[in-house]
Amino acid sequence: MSISSEKIRIIVADDHSMFLDGLISLLNDVEYIEIVGKASNGKEALHLLKKVKADWVITDISMPEMDGIVLTGQIKKKYPEIKVLVVSMYHQSETIAKVVQQEADGYLLKNAGKEELLKAIASIQAGEKYFSEEIKQKYLESMFAPKKKSREQVPLSRREKEVLVLIAQENTTPEIAEKLFISQHTVESHRKNIIRKLNVRNTAGIVKYAIQQGLLDT
């Protein structure tokens, strides 16, 4: 079923010719996709982008001269409108984190089937991110895995620590105010101070810090 009135123009980059040709053969059978180029490394892919009009790049990670992580960063810097889907055999959390940092639109393992590949393409084309379940699980495990208490903890007041723990335990502002016998305004003031001191952006950062410091172990 077509997901677009116009064909999606894709460049595929992979240094393993058998996988590259197989992926191209698979995508050529999809009516709304047009393969406009193939490359064996990141440099070739960037060179192609200067010559042909492409909407997408599907890339491996491990490639000579320029790998897929660097390629993704370069594409997002020079051609931010182009979608990038990483398809790789690597599932290490460190690698996944680097791909996320380069703002890839999706990440699939090479053992993914045609159905999931097309699902990823449809989701990303619709403006969403798509990461396979295994990739999401590995990434979340690396983000929120409990770690040993840091020797250098951020100096929080006793009340701020109480508020932090209650936030991490998914209490709302009214619930925290009721439990600590303080006003909701005071709770929000503590929340802002905690975010500033921890140098995080949101509640997820607060939760991550609490887990890393073992504040939820008791």
N, C-alpha and C. Protein backbone atom coordinates (compact mmCIF):
# COMPACT_ATOMS: atom_id res chain seq x y z
N MET A 1 0.85 -1.20 0.00
CA MET A 1 0.00 0.00 0.00
C MET A 1 0.87 1.24 0.00
N SER A 2 0.57 2.16 -0.86
CA SER A 2 1.38 3.37 -0.97
C SER A 2 1.18 4.26 0.24
N ILE A 3 2.27 4.85 0.73
CA ILE A 3 2.18 5.78 1.85
C ILE A 3 2.44 7.20 1.40
N SER A 4 2.64 7.40 0.10
CA SER A 4 2.94 8.72 -0.40
C SER A 4 2.50 8.80 -1.85
N SER A 5 2.08 10.01 -2.27
CA SER A 5 1.70 10.19 -3.67
C SER A 5 2.92 10.19 -4.57
N GLU A 6 4.09 10.47 -4.02
CA GLU A 6 5.33 10.42 -4.77
C GLU A 6 6.24 9.36 -4.17
N LYS A 7 7.11 8.83 -5.01
CA LYS A 7 8.01 7.79 -4.53
C LYS A 7 9.04 8.36 -3.57
N ILE A 8 9.41 7.54 -2.60
CA ILE A 8 10.46 7.92 -1.65
C ILE A 8 11.80 7.55 -2.30
N ARG A 9 12.66 8.53 -2.48
CA ARG A 9 13.96 8.30 -3.12
C ARG A 9 15.01 7.98 -2.06
N ILE A 10 15.61 6.81 -2.19
CA ILE A 10 16.49 6.30 -1.14
C ILE A 10 17.89 5.97 -1.67
N ILE A 11 18.89 6.35 -0.89
CA ILE A 11 20.27 5.90 -1.10
C ILE A 11 20.58 4.88 -0.02
N VAL A 12 21.19 3.77 -0.40
CA VAL A 12 21.54 2.71 0.54
C VAL A 12 23.06 2.62 0.64
N ALA A 13 23.58 2.61 1.88
CA ALA A 13 25.03 2.54 2.09
C ALA A 13 25.38 1.35 2.98
N ASP A 14 26.22 0.46 2.46
CA ASP A 14 26.68 -0.72 3.21
C ASP A 14 27.89 -1.29 2.49
N ASP A 15 28.90 -1.69 3.25
CA ASP A 15 30.11 -2.21 2.61
C ASP A 15 30.04 -3.71 2.34
N HIS A 16 28.97 -4.36 2.73
CA HIS A 16 28.79 -5.78 2.43
C HIS A 16 27.88 -5.89 1.20
N SER A 17 28.48 -6.23 0.07
CA SER A 17 27.75 -6.18 -1.20
C SER A 17 26.55 -7.11 -1.23
N MET A 18 26.64 -8.27 -0.57
CA MET A 18 25.51 -9.20 -0.59
C MET A 18 24.31 -8.61 0.14
N PHE A 19 24.56 -8.03 1.31
CA PHE A 19 23.46 -7.41 2.05
C PHE A 19 22.94 -6.20 1.30
N LEU A 20 23.84 -5.40 0.75
CA LEU A 20 23.45 -4.20 0.01
C LEU A 20 22.54 -4.56 -1.16
N ASP A 21 22.98 -5.54 -1.96
CA ASP A 21 22.18 -5.94 -3.12
C ASP A 21 20.85 -6.56 -2.70
N GLY A 22 20.88 -7.32 -1.61
CA GLY A 22 19.64 -7.94 -1.12
C GLY A 22 18.64 -6.90 -0.65
N LEU A 23 19.14 -5.88 0.07
CA LEU A 23 18.25 -4.82 0.56
C LEU A 23 17.67 -4.02 -0.61
N ILE A 24 18.52 -3.73 -1.58
CA ILE A 24 18.05 -2.99 -2.75
C ILE A 24 16.99 -3.80 -3.51
N SER A 25 17.25 -5.10 -3.66
CA SER A 25 16.28 -5.97 -4.34
C SER A 25 14.94 -5.98 -3.61
N LEU A 26 15.00 -6.04 -2.28
CA LEU A 26 13.78 -6.05 -1.48
C LEU A 26 13.01 -4.74 -1.65
N LEU A 27 13.72 -3.62 -1.60
CA LEU A 27 13.06 -2.31 -1.67
C LEU A 27 12.58 -2.00 -3.08
N ASN A 28 13.24 -2.55 -4.08
CA ASN A 28 12.81 -2.32 -5.46
C ASN A 28 11.43 -2.90 -5.74
N ASP A 29 11.01 -3.86 -4.92
CA ASP A 29 9.69 -4.47 -5.09
C ASP A 29 8.58 -3.64 -4.46
N VAL A 30 8.95 -2.57 -3.76
CA VAL A 30 7.96 -1.72 -3.10
C VAL A 30 7.60 -0.56 -4.03
N GLU A 31 6.33 -0.43 -4.35
CA GLU A 31 5.90 0.50 -5.39
C GLU A 31 6.17 1.97 -5.06
N TYR A 32 6.19 2.30 -3.78
CA TYR A 32 6.37 3.71 -3.42
C TYR A 32 7.83 4.08 -3.10
N ILE A 33 8.76 3.18 -3.42
CA ILE A 33 10.18 3.42 -3.15
C ILE A 33 10.98 3.38 -4.44
N GLU A 34 11.92 4.30 -4.57
CA GLU A 34 12.84 4.32 -5.70
C GLU A 34 14.27 4.40 -5.16
N ILE A 35 15.10 3.43 -5.51
CA ILE A 35 16.51 3.46 -5.11
C ILE A 35 17.26 4.34 -6.10
N VAL A 36 17.82 5.43 -5.61
CA VAL A 36 18.50 6.39 -6.50
C VAL A 36 20.01 6.31 -6.41
N GLY A 37 20.54 5.43 -5.53
CA GLY A 37 21.98 5.28 -5.44
C GLY A 37 22.38 4.29 -4.37
N LYS A 38 23.59 3.76 -4.51
CA LYS A 38 24.14 2.88 -3.48
C LYS A 38 25.60 3.24 -3.25
N ALA A 39 26.04 3.01 -2.01
CA ALA A 39 27.41 3.39 -1.63
C ALA A 39 27.98 2.33 -0.70
N SER A 40 29.31 2.22 -0.71
CA SER A 40 29.97 1.23 0.14
C SER A 40 30.57 1.86 1.39
N ASN A 41 30.46 3.19 1.52
CA ASN A 41 30.92 3.86 2.74
C ASN A 41 30.28 5.24 2.83
N GLY A 42 30.51 5.90 3.94
CA GLY A 42 29.88 7.18 4.17
C GLY A 42 30.30 8.26 3.20
N LYS A 43 31.58 8.26 2.82
CA LYS A 43 32.06 9.29 1.88
C LYS A 43 31.35 9.17 0.54
N GLU A 44 31.19 7.93 0.07
CA GLU A 44 30.48 7.73 -1.19
C GLU A 44 29.03 8.20 -1.09
N ALA A 45 28.42 7.94 0.06
CA ALA A 45 27.03 8.35 0.25
C ALA A 45 26.90 9.88 0.21
N LEU A 46 27.81 10.58 0.87
CA LEU A 46 27.77 12.04 0.86
C LEU A 46 28.01 12.59 -0.54
N HIS A 47 28.91 11.94 -1.28
CA HIS A 47 29.17 12.36 -2.66
C HIS A 47 27.91 12.18 -3.51
N LEU A 48 27.21 11.08 -3.30
CA LEU A 48 25.97 10.83 -4.04
C LEU A 48 24.91 11.89 -3.75
N LEU A 49 24.86 12.32 -2.50
CA LEU A 49 23.85 13.32 -2.12
C LEU A 49 24.06 14.65 -2.83
N LYS A 50 25.28 14.89 -3.28
CA LYS A 50 25.55 16.11 -4.03
C LYS A 50 25.08 15.99 -5.48
N LYS A 51 24.92 14.74 -5.95
CA LYS A 51 24.61 14.50 -7.36
C LYS A 51 23.16 14.14 -7.62
N VAL A 52 22.52 13.46 -6.65
CA VAL A 52 21.15 13.00 -6.89
C VAL A 52 20.22 13.53 -5.81
N LYS A 53 18.96 13.64 -6.15
CA LYS A 53 17.95 14.07 -5.19
C LYS A 53 17.49 12.85 -4.40
N ALA A 54 17.66 12.90 -3.08
CA ALA A 54 17.28 11.79 -2.23
C ALA A 54 16.47 12.29 -1.04
N ASP A 55 15.52 11.48 -0.61
CA ASP A 55 14.72 11.79 0.57
C ASP A 55 15.21 11.05 1.81
N TRP A 56 15.87 9.93 1.54
CA TRP A 56 16.29 9.02 2.60
C TRP A 56 17.70 8.51 2.36
N VAL A 57 18.36 8.13 3.48
CA VAL A 57 19.57 7.30 3.42
C VAL A 57 19.39 6.17 4.42
N ILE A 58 19.54 4.95 3.93
CA ILE A 58 19.57 3.78 4.81
C ILE A 58 21.01 3.33 4.89
N THR A 59 21.58 3.27 6.08
CA THR A 59 23.01 3.02 6.22
C THR A 59 23.36 1.99 7.27
N ASP A 60 24.43 1.27 7.01
CA ASP A 60 25.05 0.40 8.00
C ASP A 60 25.88 1.29 8.93
N ILE A 61 26.43 0.72 9.99
CA ILE A 61 27.31 1.48 10.88
C ILE A 61 28.77 1.25 10.52
N SER A 62 29.20 0.00 10.52
CA SER A 62 30.61 -0.32 10.29
C SER A 62 30.93 -0.29 8.80
N MET A 63 31.59 0.78 8.37
CA MET A 63 32.02 0.93 6.98
C MET A 63 33.37 1.60 6.95
N PRO A 64 34.20 1.33 5.94
CA PRO A 64 35.52 1.97 5.84
C PRO A 64 35.41 3.45 5.47
N GLU A 65 36.47 4.18 5.75
CA GLU A 65 36.61 5.61 5.42
C GLU A 65 35.68 6.52 6.23
N MET A 66 34.39 6.24 6.21
CA MET A 66 33.46 7.00 7.05
C MET A 66 32.33 6.06 7.46
N ASP A 67 32.17 5.88 8.78
CA ASP A 67 31.15 4.93 9.24
C ASP A 67 29.76 5.57 9.25
N GLY A 68 28.76 4.77 9.58
CA GLY A 68 27.39 5.24 9.53
C GLY A 68 27.04 6.26 10.58
N ILE A 69 27.73 6.23 11.71
CA ILE A 69 27.46 7.21 12.77
C ILE A 69 27.91 8.60 12.32
N VAL A 70 29.12 8.68 11.79
CA VAL A 70 29.62 9.96 11.28
C VAL A 70 28.78 10.42 10.10
N LEU A 71 28.43 9.48 9.22
CA LEU A 71 27.58 9.80 8.07
C LEU A 71 26.26 10.41 8.52
N THR A 72 25.64 9.80 9.51
CA THR A 72 24.36 10.31 10.00
C THR A 72 24.50 11.74 10.49
N GLY A 73 25.54 12.01 11.26
CA GLY A 73 25.77 13.36 11.76
C GLY A 73 25.98 14.37 10.64
N GLN A 74 26.73 13.95 9.61
CA GLN A 74 26.99 14.84 8.47
C GLN A 74 25.71 15.13 7.69
N ILE A 75 24.90 14.10 7.51
CA ILE A 75 23.64 14.28 6.78
C ILE A 75 22.73 15.24 7.54
N LYS A 76 22.59 15.02 8.85
CA LYS A 76 21.69 15.86 9.64
C LYS A 76 22.19 17.31 9.72
N LYS A 77 23.48 17.49 9.56
CA LYS A 77 24.05 18.84 9.57
C LYS A 77 23.84 19.54 8.23
N LYS A 78 24.10 18.80 7.14
CA LYS A 78 24.06 19.40 5.81
C LYS A 78 22.70 19.29 5.13
N TYR A 79 21.98 18.20 5.44
CA TYR A 79 20.68 17.96 4.80
C TYR A 79 19.66 17.54 5.87
N PRO A 80 19.28 18.44 6.74
CA PRO A 80 18.42 18.06 7.88
C PRO A 80 17.06 17.49 7.47
N GLU A 81 16.64 17.75 6.25
CA GLU A 81 15.34 17.25 5.80
C GLU A 81 15.39 15.78 5.40
N ILE A 82 16.59 15.24 5.21
CA ILE A 82 16.73 13.84 4.78
C ILE A 82 16.57 12.90 5.97
N LYS A 83 15.78 11.86 5.79
CA LYS A 83 15.58 10.85 6.83
C LYS A 83 16.74 9.86 6.79
N VAL A 84 17.19 9.44 7.98
CA VAL A 84 18.28 8.46 8.08
C VAL A 84 17.82 7.27 8.93
N LEU A 85 17.87 6.10 8.31
CA LEU A 85 17.56 4.86 9.02
C LEU A 85 18.82 4.01 9.09
N VAL A 86 19.24 3.68 10.29
CA VAL A 86 20.41 2.83 10.49
C VAL A 86 19.95 1.37 10.54
N VAL A 87 20.58 0.53 9.74
CA VAL A 87 20.30 -0.91 9.76
C VAL A 87 21.63 -1.61 9.99
N SER A 88 21.80 -2.19 11.16
CA SER A 88 23.11 -2.71 11.55
C SER A 88 22.98 -3.99 12.37
N MET A 89 24.09 -4.71 12.48
CA MET A 89 24.13 -5.89 13.33
C MET A 89 24.51 -5.52 14.76
N TYR A 90 24.95 -4.28 14.98
CA TYR A 90 25.40 -3.85 16.31
C TYR A 90 24.22 -3.48 17.20
N HIS A 91 24.22 -4.01 18.42
CA HIS A 91 23.17 -3.67 19.37
C HIS A 91 23.74 -3.27 20.73
N GLN A 92 25.03 -2.92 20.77
CA GLN A 92 25.64 -2.47 22.02
C GLN A 92 25.06 -1.10 22.40
N SER A 93 24.84 -0.90 23.69
CA SER A 93 24.21 0.33 24.16
C SER A 93 25.02 1.57 23.81
N GLU A 94 26.35 1.46 23.83
CA GLU A 94 27.19 2.61 23.50
C GLU A 94 26.99 3.04 22.06
N THR A 95 26.89 2.06 21.16
CA THR A 95 26.68 2.35 19.75
C THR A 95 25.32 2.98 19.53
N ILE A 96 24.31 2.43 20.18
CA ILE A 96 22.95 2.95 20.05
C ILE A 96 22.91 4.40 20.52
N ALA A 97 23.58 4.68 21.64
CA ALA A 97 23.59 6.04 22.17
C ALA A 97 24.22 7.02 21.18
N LYS A 98 25.29 6.60 20.52
CA LYS A 98 25.95 7.46 19.52
C LYS A 98 25.03 7.74 18.35
N VAL A 99 24.29 6.72 17.92
CA VAL A 99 23.34 6.89 16.82
C VAL A 99 22.25 7.87 17.21
N VAL A 100 21.74 7.73 18.43
CA VAL A 100 20.70 8.63 18.93
C VAL A 100 21.22 10.07 18.99
N GLN A 101 22.46 10.23 19.45
CA GLN A 101 23.05 11.56 19.56
C GLN A 101 23.18 12.25 18.21
N GLN A 102 23.37 11.46 17.15
CA GLN A 102 23.49 12.03 15.81
C GLN A 102 22.12 12.27 15.16
N GLU A 103 21.06 12.03 15.92
CA GLU A 103 19.69 12.33 15.51
C GLU A 103 19.20 11.47 14.35
N ALA A 104 19.61 10.19 14.34
CA ALA A 104 19.06 9.26 13.35
C ALA A 104 17.56 9.14 13.56
N ASP A 105 16.85 8.87 12.48
CA ASP A 105 15.40 8.76 12.57
C ASP A 105 14.94 7.37 12.96
N GLY A 106 15.82 6.40 12.84
CA GLY A 106 15.45 5.04 13.21
C GLY A 106 16.65 4.12 13.26
N TYR A 107 16.45 2.96 13.89
CA TYR A 107 17.53 1.98 14.04
C TYR A 107 16.91 0.59 14.05
N LEU A 108 17.32 -0.23 13.10
CA LEU A 108 16.88 -1.61 13.02
C LEU A 108 18.08 -2.54 13.03
N LEU A 109 17.89 -3.74 13.53
CA LEU A 109 18.92 -4.76 13.40
C LEU A 109 18.80 -5.43 12.03
N LYS A 110 19.92 -5.98 11.55
CA LYS A 110 19.92 -6.56 10.22
C LYS A 110 19.08 -7.83 10.10
N ASN A 111 18.71 -8.40 11.23
CA ASN A 111 17.87 -9.60 11.17
C ASN A 111 16.37 -9.25 11.12
N ALA A 112 16.07 -7.95 11.03
CA ALA A 112 14.67 -7.54 10.93
C ALA A 112 14.07 -8.03 9.62
N GLY A 113 12.81 -8.37 9.63
CA GLY A 113 12.13 -8.83 8.44
C GLY A 113 11.63 -7.68 7.58
N LYS A 114 11.15 -8.02 6.39
CA LYS A 114 10.63 -7.00 5.46
C LYS A 114 9.49 -6.22 6.08
N GLU A 115 8.63 -6.91 6.81
CA GLU A 115 7.46 -6.26 7.40
C GLU A 115 7.88 -5.15 8.36
N GLU A 116 8.87 -5.44 9.21
CA GLU A 116 9.30 -4.41 10.16
C GLU A 116 10.04 -3.28 9.45
N LEU A 117 10.81 -3.61 8.42
CA LEU A 117 11.51 -2.57 7.66
C LEU A 117 10.51 -1.59 7.06
N LEU A 118 9.46 -2.12 6.44
CA LEU A 118 8.46 -1.25 5.83
C LEU A 118 7.66 -0.48 6.89
N LYS A 119 7.46 -1.11 8.04
CA LYS A 119 6.80 -0.42 9.15
C LYS A 119 7.65 0.76 9.61
N ALA A 120 8.97 0.54 9.70
CA ALA A 120 9.89 1.61 10.11
C ALA A 120 9.86 2.75 9.10
N ILE A 121 9.88 2.41 7.81
CA ILE A 121 9.86 3.43 6.76
C ILE A 121 8.56 4.24 6.83
N ALA A 122 7.44 3.56 7.00
CA ALA A 122 6.15 4.25 7.08
C ALA A 122 6.09 5.17 8.29
N SER A 123 6.58 4.69 9.43
CA SER A 123 6.55 5.49 10.67
C SER A 123 7.42 6.73 10.54
N ILE A 124 8.62 6.54 10.04
CA ILE A 124 9.56 7.66 9.90
C ILE A 124 9.05 8.66 8.86
N GLN A 125 8.50 8.14 7.76
CA GLN A 125 7.96 9.02 6.72
C GLN A 125 6.82 9.87 7.26
N ALA A 126 6.12 9.34 8.26
CA ALA A 126 5.00 10.06 8.89
C ALA A 126 5.48 11.05 9.94
N GLY A 127 6.80 11.15 10.13
CA GLY A 127 7.35 12.13 11.06
C GLY A 127 7.71 11.59 12.42
N GLU A 128 7.64 10.27 12.60
CA GLU A 128 7.97 9.67 13.88
C GLU A 128 9.38 9.08 13.85
N LYS A 129 9.87 8.72 15.03
CA LYS A 129 11.11 7.96 15.14
C LYS A 129 10.74 6.48 15.20
N TYR A 130 11.65 5.62 14.73
CA TYR A 130 11.37 4.18 14.83
C TYR A 130 12.63 3.43 15.24
N PHE A 131 12.55 2.83 16.42
CA PHE A 131 13.63 1.97 16.90
C PHE A 131 13.03 0.62 17.24
N SER A 132 13.67 -0.44 16.77
CA SER A 132 13.14 -1.78 17.03
C SER A 132 13.08 -2.03 18.53
N GLU A 133 12.25 -2.98 18.94
CA GLU A 133 12.05 -3.24 20.37
C GLU A 133 13.36 -3.58 21.07
N GLU A 134 14.19 -4.40 20.43
CA GLU A 134 15.47 -4.78 21.06
C GLU A 134 16.37 -3.57 21.23
N ILE A 135 16.40 -2.70 20.22
CA ILE A 135 17.23 -1.50 20.29
C ILE A 135 16.73 -0.59 21.40
N LYS A 136 15.42 -0.38 21.49
CA LYS A 136 14.86 0.47 22.56
C LYS A 136 15.18 -0.09 23.93
N GLN A 137 15.06 -1.41 24.08
CA GLN A 137 15.32 -2.04 25.37
C GLN A 137 16.78 -1.86 25.79
N LYS A 138 17.69 -2.08 24.85
CA LYS A 138 19.13 -1.93 25.14
C LYS A 138 19.45 -0.49 25.54
N TYR A 139 18.84 0.45 24.82
CA TYR A 139 19.11 1.86 25.10
C TYR A 139 18.58 2.28 26.46
N LEU A 140 17.36 1.85 26.77
CA LEU A 140 16.78 2.19 28.06
C LEU A 140 17.55 1.55 29.22
N GLU A 141 17.99 0.31 29.02
CA GLU A 141 18.78 -0.36 30.05
C GLU A 141 20.05 0.41 30.34
N SER A 142 20.69 0.92 29.29
CA SER A 142 21.94 1.66 29.48
C SER A 142 21.69 3.00 30.17
N MET A 143 20.54 3.61 29.88
CA MET A 143 20.23 4.91 30.48
C MET A 143 19.89 4.81 31.95
N PHE A 144 19.13 3.78 32.30
CA PHE A 144 18.58 3.72 33.65
C PHE A 144 19.14 2.59 34.51
N ALA A 145 20.20 1.95 34.02
CA ALA A 145 20.81 0.89 34.82
C ALA A 145 21.38 1.47 36.11
N PRO A 146 21.08 0.87 37.25
CA PRO A 146 21.62 1.37 38.52
C PRO A 146 23.14 1.34 38.52
N LYS A 147 23.72 2.38 39.02
CA LYS A 147 25.17 2.46 39.10
C LYS A 147 25.58 2.71 40.55
N LYS A 148 26.86 2.51 40.84
CA LYS A 148 27.36 2.77 42.17
C LYS A 148 27.25 4.26 42.47
N LYS A 149 27.03 4.54 43.72
CA LYS A 149 26.90 5.93 44.11
C LYS A 149 28.15 6.71 43.75
N SER A 150 27.92 7.86 43.17
CA SER A 150 29.04 8.72 42.79
C SER A 150 29.69 9.30 44.04
N ARG A 151 31.01 9.42 44.00
CA ARG A 151 31.71 10.01 45.14
C ARG A 151 31.40 11.50 45.26
N GLU A 152 31.11 12.12 44.11
CA GLU A 152 30.83 13.55 44.10
C GLU A 152 29.35 13.75 43.79
N GLN A 153 28.53 13.77 44.81
CA GLN A 153 27.11 13.99 44.62
C GLN A 153 26.83 15.49 44.57
N VAL A 154 25.80 15.83 43.82
CA VAL A 154 25.40 17.23 43.74
C VAL A 154 24.86 17.66 45.11
N PRO A 155 25.30 18.80 45.62
CA PRO A 155 24.85 19.24 46.95
C PRO A 155 23.39 19.70 46.93
N LEU A 156 22.50 18.85 47.41
CA LEU A 156 21.09 19.20 47.54
C LEU A 156 20.74 19.33 49.02
N SER A 157 19.81 20.19 49.31
CA SER A 157 19.37 20.32 50.69
C SER A 157 18.54 19.09 51.08
N ARG A 158 18.29 18.92 52.37
CA ARG A 158 17.50 17.77 52.82
C ARG A 158 16.12 17.78 52.18
N ARG A 159 15.49 18.96 52.13
CA ARG A 159 14.15 19.07 51.54
C ARG A 159 14.19 18.77 50.04
N GLU A 160 15.22 19.26 49.37
CA GLU A 160 15.35 19.00 47.92
C GLU A 160 15.50 17.50 47.65
N LYS A 161 16.23 16.81 48.51
CA LYS A 161 16.38 15.37 48.35
C LYS A 161 15.04 14.66 48.54
N GLU A 162 14.27 15.14 49.52
CA GLU A 162 12.95 14.55 49.75
C GLU A 162 12.05 14.74 48.53
N VAL A 163 12.08 15.95 47.98
CA VAL A 163 11.26 16.25 46.80
C VAL A 163 11.75 15.42 45.61
N LEU A 164 13.07 15.32 45.45
CA LEU A 164 13.63 14.54 44.34
C LEU A 164 13.17 13.10 44.38
N VAL A 165 13.23 12.49 45.55
CA VAL A 165 12.82 11.09 45.68
C VAL A 165 11.34 10.93 45.36
N LEU A 166 10.53 11.83 45.83
CA LEU A 166 9.09 11.75 45.58
C LEU A 166 8.77 11.96 44.09
N ILE A 167 9.52 12.85 43.45
CA ILE A 167 9.35 13.03 41.99
C ILE A 167 9.70 11.74 41.27
N ALA A 168 10.84 11.16 41.65
CA ALA A 168 11.30 9.92 41.01
C ALA A 168 10.32 8.77 41.23
N GLN A 169 9.57 8.85 42.32
CA GLN A 169 8.56 7.83 42.61
C GLN A 169 7.21 8.14 41.96
N GLU A 170 7.23 9.11 41.04
CA GLU A 170 6.08 9.45 40.20
C GLU A 170 4.94 10.13 40.96
N ASN A 171 5.28 10.81 42.04
CA ASN A 171 4.27 11.60 42.74
C ASN A 171 4.03 12.92 42.00
N THR A 172 2.79 13.38 41.98
CA THR A 172 2.47 14.66 41.37
C THR A 172 2.81 15.79 42.34
N THR A 173 2.80 17.02 41.81
CA THR A 173 3.08 18.18 42.67
C THR A 173 2.10 18.27 43.84
N PRO A 174 0.79 18.12 43.62
CA PRO A 174 -0.13 18.16 44.77
C PRO A 174 0.15 17.05 45.78
N GLU A 175 0.49 15.86 45.31
CA GLU A 175 0.78 14.75 46.21
C GLU A 175 2.03 15.02 47.04
N ILE A 176 3.06 15.59 46.39
CA ILE A 176 4.29 15.92 47.12
C ILE A 176 4.01 16.99 48.17
N ALA A 177 3.22 17.99 47.80
CA ALA A 177 2.88 19.06 48.74
C ALA A 177 2.15 18.51 49.95
N GLU A 178 1.24 17.59 49.72
CA GLU A 178 0.47 17.00 50.82
C GLU A 178 1.36 16.16 51.73
N LYS A 179 2.26 15.37 51.14
CA LYS A 179 3.11 14.48 51.93
C LYS A 179 4.14 15.25 52.75
N LEU A 180 4.61 16.38 52.22
CA LEU A 180 5.66 17.13 52.93
C LEU A 180 5.10 18.34 53.69
N PHE A 181 3.76 18.54 53.62
CA PHE A 181 3.10 19.64 54.32
C PHE A 181 3.66 21.00 53.89
N ILE A 182 3.82 21.14 52.58
CA ILE A 182 4.28 22.41 52.02
C ILE A 182 3.35 22.78 50.87
N SER A 183 3.47 24.01 50.39
CA SER A 183 2.59 24.45 49.30
C SER A 183 3.06 23.90 47.96
N GLN A 184 2.15 23.86 47.00
CA GLN A 184 2.52 23.41 45.66
C GLN A 184 3.53 24.35 45.03
N HIS A 185 3.41 25.64 45.34
CA HIS A 185 4.37 26.62 44.84
C HIS A 185 5.79 26.30 45.33
N THR A 186 5.88 25.90 46.61
CA THR A 186 7.18 25.54 47.18
C THR A 186 7.73 24.28 46.52
N VAL A 187 6.87 23.33 46.24
CA VAL A 187 7.29 22.11 45.54
C VAL A 187 7.89 22.46 44.18
N GLU A 188 7.20 23.34 43.45
CA GLU A 188 7.68 23.72 42.12
C GLU A 188 9.00 24.48 42.22
N SER A 189 9.16 25.27 43.26
CA SER A 189 10.43 25.98 43.46
C SER A 189 11.56 24.99 43.70
N HIS A 190 11.29 23.98 44.54
CA HIS A 190 12.30 22.94 44.78
C HIS A 190 12.61 22.18 43.49
N ARG A 191 11.57 21.88 42.70
CA ARG A 191 11.78 21.16 41.44
C ARG A 191 12.72 21.95 40.51
N LYS A 192 12.47 23.25 40.39
CA LYS A 192 13.30 24.08 39.53
C LYS A 192 14.74 24.12 40.03
N ASN A 193 14.91 24.22 41.36
CA ASN A 193 16.26 24.25 41.93
C ASN A 193 16.99 22.92 41.69
N ILE A 194 16.24 21.81 41.82
CA ILE A 194 16.83 20.49 41.59
C ILE A 194 17.30 20.35 40.14
N ILE A 195 16.44 20.75 39.21
CA ILE A 195 16.79 20.67 37.79
C ILE A 195 18.01 21.52 37.49
N ARG A 196 18.06 22.71 38.10
CA ARG A 196 19.22 23.59 37.88
C ARG A 196 20.49 22.99 38.45
N LYS A 197 20.42 22.48 39.67
CA LYS A 197 21.61 21.94 40.32
C LYS A 197 22.11 20.67 39.64
N LEU A 198 21.19 19.84 39.17
CA LEU A 198 21.59 18.59 38.52
C LEU A 198 22.00 18.81 37.07
N ASN A 199 21.68 20.00 36.56
CA ASN A 199 21.97 20.32 35.15
C ASN A 199 21.27 19.34 34.22
N VAL A 200 19.99 19.09 34.51
CA VAL A 200 19.16 18.24 33.65
C VAL A 200 18.03 19.09 33.09
N ARG A 201 17.27 18.51 32.15
CA ARG A 201 16.25 19.30 31.47
C ARG A 201 14.83 19.01 31.93
N ASN A 202 14.60 17.83 32.49
CA ASN A 202 13.22 17.46 32.80
C ASN A 202 13.18 16.39 33.88
N THR A 203 11.97 15.85 34.11
CA THR A 203 11.78 14.85 35.14
C THR A 203 12.57 13.58 34.86
N ALA A 204 12.71 13.22 33.57
CA ALA A 204 13.48 12.03 33.22
C ALA A 204 14.92 12.14 33.72
N GLY A 205 15.49 13.33 33.65
CA GLY A 205 16.84 13.54 34.15
C GLY A 205 16.91 13.40 35.66
N ILE A 206 15.87 13.86 36.35
CA ILE A 206 15.80 13.71 37.81
C ILE A 206 15.74 12.24 38.18
N VAL A 207 14.89 11.48 37.47
CA VAL A 207 14.75 10.05 37.75
C VAL A 207 16.07 9.32 37.52
N LYS A 208 16.73 9.64 36.43
CA LYS A 208 18.00 8.99 36.11
C LYS A 208 19.03 9.24 37.21
N TYR A 209 19.10 10.49 37.69
CA TYR A 209 20.04 10.82 38.76
C TYR A 209 19.71 10.03 40.02
N ALA A 210 18.42 9.97 40.37
CA ALA A 210 18.01 9.27 41.58
C ALA A 210 18.40 7.80 41.53
N ILE A 211 18.23 7.19 40.36
CA ILE A 211 18.59 5.76 40.21
C ILE A 211 20.09 5.58 40.31
N GLN A 212 20.85 6.44 39.62
CA GLN A 212 22.31 6.33 39.63
C GLN A 212 22.89 6.51 41.03
N GLN A 213 22.25 7.36 41.83
CA GLN A 213 22.75 7.61 43.18
C GLN A 213 22.20 6.62 44.20
N GLY A 214 21.34 5.72 43.75
CA GLY A 214 20.79 4.74 44.66
C GLY A 214 19.80 5.30 45.65
N LEU A 215 19.19 6.44 45.31
CA LEU A 215 18.25 7.08 46.23
C LEU A 215 16.92 6.38 46.33
N LEU A 216 16.65 5.44 45.41
CA LEU A 216 15.39 4.72 45.42
C LEU A 216 15.55 3.30 45.96
N ASP A 217 16.75 2.99 46.45
CA ASP A 217 17.02 1.63 46.91
C ASP A 217 16.38 1.32 48.25
N THR A 218 16.10 2.36 49.01
CA THR A 218 15.57 2.11 50.36
C THR A 218 14.07 1.93 50.33
